[in-house]
Amino acid sequence: MSTYDSILQGLNEALAYSEAQVQNSVTHKVRVQSVNVAAIRTRTGLSQAQFTKSIGVAKGTLLNWEHGRRQPTGPA
């Protein structure tokens, strides 16, 4: 099977799944524990500015994490 055919097959399967046309499919849900970003930053001994620079996020993002308004997702 070519790369194109493999990608096309995957897209068709995803479309069929999203339209509930697939029976006996298996769905996995991953539960990620909440992260106490303020505690992590405190343990590192870094200021907010130093910590944001070291992980490549905006200071506003860090503030939202530390105040519990948002949680880190994906690569964060």
N, C-alpha and C. Protein backbone atom coordinates (compact mmCIF):
# COMPACT_ATOMS: atom_id res chain seq x y z
N MET A 1 0.85 -1.17 0.00
CA MET A 1 0.00 0.00 0.00
C MET A 1 0.90 1.23 0.00
N SER A 2 0.58 2.19 -0.86
CA SER A 2 1.38 3.42 -0.93
C SER A 2 1.07 4.32 0.26
N THR A 3 1.93 5.29 0.49
CA THR A 3 1.71 6.25 1.57
C THR A 3 0.39 6.98 1.36
N TYR A 4 0.13 7.37 0.12
CA TYR A 4 -1.12 8.07 -0.20
C TYR A 4 -2.32 7.19 0.16
N ASP A 5 -2.28 5.93 -0.25
CA ASP A 5 -3.39 5.02 0.02
C ASP A 5 -3.59 4.82 1.52
N SER A 6 -2.49 4.74 2.26
CA SER A 6 -2.57 4.55 3.71
C SER A 6 -3.21 5.77 4.38
N ILE A 7 -2.80 6.97 3.96
CA ILE A 7 -3.37 8.19 4.51
C ILE A 7 -4.85 8.30 4.14
N LEU A 8 -5.18 8.00 2.90
CA LEU A 8 -6.57 8.04 2.45
C LEU A 8 -7.42 7.06 3.24
N GLN A 9 -6.91 5.87 3.48
CA GLN A 9 -7.65 4.88 4.25
C GLN A 9 -7.90 5.39 5.67
N GLY A 10 -6.87 5.97 6.28
CA GLY A 10 -7.01 6.51 7.63
C GLY A 10 -8.04 7.63 7.70
N LEU A 11 -8.02 8.50 6.70
CA LEU A 11 -8.99 9.60 6.66
C LEU A 11 -10.41 9.07 6.49
N ASN A 12 -10.57 8.08 5.63
CA ASN A 12 -11.89 7.49 5.43
C ASN A 12 -12.39 6.81 6.70
N GLU A 13 -11.49 6.13 7.42
CA GLU A 13 -11.87 5.49 8.67
C GLU A 13 -12.27 6.54 9.72
N ALA A 14 -11.52 7.62 9.79
CA ALA A 14 -11.84 8.69 10.74
C ALA A 14 -13.19 9.31 10.42
N LEU A 15 -13.45 9.54 9.14
CA LEU A 15 -14.73 10.10 8.72
C LEU A 15 -15.88 9.16 9.07
N ALA A 16 -15.72 7.89 8.79
CA ALA A 16 -16.76 6.91 9.10
C ALA A 16 -17.01 6.86 10.61
N TYR A 17 -15.94 6.93 11.39
CA TYR A 17 -16.09 6.91 12.85
C TYR A 17 -16.84 8.15 13.32
N SER A 18 -16.48 9.32 12.77
CA SER A 18 -17.11 10.57 13.21
C SER A 18 -18.59 10.60 12.85
N GLU A 19 -18.97 9.86 11.83
CA GLU A 19 -20.38 9.82 11.41
C GLU A 19 -21.09 8.60 12.01
N ALA A 20 -20.46 7.97 12.99
CA ALA A 20 -21.03 6.82 13.71
C ALA A 20 -21.40 5.67 12.79
N GLN A 21 -20.61 5.45 11.76
CA GLN A 21 -20.85 4.36 10.84
C GLN A 21 -20.01 3.12 11.19
N VAL A 22 -19.20 3.23 12.20
CA VAL A 22 -18.31 2.14 12.57
C VAL A 22 -18.88 1.41 13.78
N GLN A 23 -18.98 0.10 13.67
CA GLN A 23 -19.45 -0.70 14.79
C GLN A 23 -18.27 -1.46 15.37
N ASN A 24 -18.37 -1.76 16.64
CA ASN A 24 -17.33 -2.52 17.34
C ASN A 24 -15.97 -1.82 17.33
N SER A 25 -15.99 -0.50 17.30
CA SER A 25 -14.71 0.22 17.36
C SER A 25 -14.33 0.42 18.82
N VAL A 26 -13.06 0.65 19.05
CA VAL A 26 -12.55 0.85 20.39
C VAL A 26 -12.07 2.30 20.51
N THR A 27 -12.56 2.98 21.54
CA THR A 27 -12.16 4.35 21.79
C THR A 27 -11.39 4.39 23.10
N HIS A 28 -10.25 5.05 23.10
CA HIS A 28 -9.43 5.18 24.30
C HIS A 28 -9.50 6.61 24.79
N LYS A 29 -9.77 6.78 26.07
CA LYS A 29 -9.74 8.10 26.69
C LYS A 29 -8.62 8.09 27.71
N VAL A 30 -7.77 9.09 27.62
CA VAL A 30 -6.63 9.18 28.52
C VAL A 30 -6.94 10.26 29.55
N ARG A 31 -6.83 9.91 30.82
CA ARG A 31 -7.07 10.87 31.88
C ARG A 31 -5.72 11.33 32.42
N VAL A 32 -5.50 12.61 32.35
CA VAL A 32 -4.23 13.17 32.81
C VAL A 32 -4.49 13.90 34.12
N GLN A 33 -3.66 13.62 35.11
CA GLN A 33 -3.81 14.28 36.40
C GLN A 33 -3.58 15.77 36.26
N SER A 34 -4.24 16.55 37.12
CA SER A 34 -4.00 17.99 37.10
C SER A 34 -2.58 18.25 37.61
N VAL A 35 -2.03 19.34 37.17
CA VAL A 35 -0.64 19.67 37.47
C VAL A 35 -0.61 20.95 38.29
N ASN A 36 0.12 20.95 39.38
CA ASN A 36 0.29 22.15 40.19
C ASN A 36 1.52 22.89 39.68
N VAL A 37 1.30 23.78 38.73
CA VAL A 37 2.41 24.48 38.07
C VAL A 37 3.15 25.38 39.06
N ALA A 38 2.40 26.01 39.96
CA ALA A 38 3.05 26.90 40.94
C ALA A 38 4.03 26.12 41.81
N ALA A 39 3.65 24.92 42.22
CA ALA A 39 4.53 24.09 43.04
C ALA A 39 5.77 23.67 42.26
N ILE A 40 5.57 23.33 41.01
CA ILE A 40 6.71 22.94 40.17
C ILE A 40 7.68 24.10 40.03
N ARG A 41 7.13 25.29 39.74
CA ARG A 41 7.99 26.47 39.58
C ARG A 41 8.72 26.78 40.87
N THR A 42 8.03 26.65 42.01
CA THR A 42 8.65 26.92 43.32
C THR A 42 9.80 25.96 43.57
N ARG A 43 9.59 24.68 43.24
CA ARG A 43 10.66 23.69 43.43
C ARG A 43 11.88 23.98 42.57
N THR A 44 11.65 24.59 41.40
CA THR A 44 12.79 24.91 40.53
C THR A 44 13.57 26.12 41.02
N GLY A 45 12.90 26.93 41.86
CA GLY A 45 13.56 28.14 42.36
C GLY A 45 13.62 29.26 41.35
N LEU A 46 12.84 29.15 40.27
CA LEU A 46 12.86 30.16 39.22
C LEU A 46 11.75 31.19 39.43
N SER A 47 12.03 32.41 39.01
CA SER A 47 10.98 33.44 39.00
C SER A 47 10.00 33.10 37.88
N GLN A 48 8.86 33.79 37.87
CA GLN A 48 7.89 33.55 36.80
C GLN A 48 8.52 33.84 35.43
N ALA A 49 9.26 34.93 35.34
CA ALA A 49 9.89 35.30 34.07
C ALA A 49 10.90 34.24 33.62
N GLN A 50 11.72 33.77 34.56
CA GLN A 50 12.71 32.75 34.23
C GLN A 50 12.04 31.44 33.82
N PHE A 51 10.98 31.06 34.55
CA PHE A 51 10.29 29.81 34.28
C PHE A 51 9.63 29.86 32.91
N THR A 52 8.94 30.96 32.60
CA THR A 52 8.27 31.05 31.30
C THR A 52 9.28 31.00 30.16
N LYS A 53 10.41 31.65 30.36
CA LYS A 53 11.44 31.63 29.32
C LYS A 53 11.99 30.22 29.14
N SER A 54 12.15 29.49 30.24
CA SER A 54 12.74 28.16 30.15
C SER A 54 11.82 27.15 29.46
N ILE A 55 10.49 27.35 29.57
CA ILE A 55 9.58 26.40 28.94
C ILE A 55 8.90 26.97 27.70
N GLY A 56 9.18 28.23 27.37
CA GLY A 56 8.69 28.81 26.12
C GLY A 56 7.21 29.14 26.09
N VAL A 57 6.67 29.65 27.20
CA VAL A 57 5.27 30.09 27.21
C VAL A 57 5.21 31.55 27.65
N ALA A 58 4.09 32.18 27.36
CA ALA A 58 3.89 33.56 27.76
C ALA A 58 3.62 33.65 29.26
N LYS A 59 3.95 34.79 29.85
CA LYS A 59 3.73 34.96 31.29
C LYS A 59 2.24 34.84 31.62
N GLY A 60 1.37 35.35 30.75
CA GLY A 60 -0.06 35.25 30.98
C GLY A 60 -0.53 33.80 31.05
N THR A 61 0.07 32.96 30.23
CA THR A 61 -0.25 31.53 30.24
C THR A 61 0.13 30.94 31.59
N LEU A 62 1.32 31.26 32.06
CA LEU A 62 1.78 30.76 33.36
C LEU A 62 0.85 31.23 34.47
N LEU A 63 0.46 32.50 34.44
CA LEU A 63 -0.43 33.03 35.47
C LEU A 63 -1.76 32.28 35.46
N ASN A 64 -2.30 32.01 34.28
CA ASN A 64 -3.55 31.24 34.20
C ASN A 64 -3.38 29.85 34.80
N TRP A 65 -2.26 29.22 34.55
CA TRP A 65 -1.98 27.89 35.11
C TRP A 65 -1.87 27.97 36.64
N GLU A 66 -1.09 28.93 37.11
CA GLU A 66 -0.84 29.02 38.55
C GLU A 66 -2.10 29.39 39.33
N HIS A 67 -3.00 30.13 38.72
CA HIS A 67 -4.23 30.55 39.41
C HIS A 67 -5.38 29.58 39.17
N GLY A 68 -5.11 28.49 38.46
CA GLY A 68 -6.11 27.46 38.25
C GLY A 68 -7.18 27.78 37.22
N ARG A 69 -7.00 28.85 36.45
CA ARG A 69 -7.97 29.19 35.42
C ARG A 69 -7.86 28.27 34.21
N ARG A 70 -6.68 27.74 33.99
CA ARG A 70 -6.43 26.82 32.89
C ARG A 70 -5.44 25.75 33.36
N GLN A 71 -5.36 24.66 32.59
CA GLN A 71 -4.41 23.59 32.87
C GLN A 71 -3.53 23.41 31.62
N PRO A 72 -2.27 23.08 31.82
CA PRO A 72 -1.42 22.80 30.66
C PRO A 72 -1.99 21.62 29.86
N THR A 73 -1.90 21.72 28.54
CA THR A 73 -2.37 20.65 27.68
C THR A 73 -1.30 20.32 26.64
N GLY A 74 -1.47 19.21 25.99
CA GLY A 74 -0.56 18.82 24.91
C GLY A 74 0.88 18.82 25.34
N PRO A 75 1.76 19.38 24.52
CA PRO A 75 3.19 19.38 24.82
C PRO A 75 3.55 20.15 26.07
N ALA A 76 2.70 21.11 26.44
CA ALA A 76 2.99 21.89 27.64
C ALA A 76 3.06 20.98 28.85
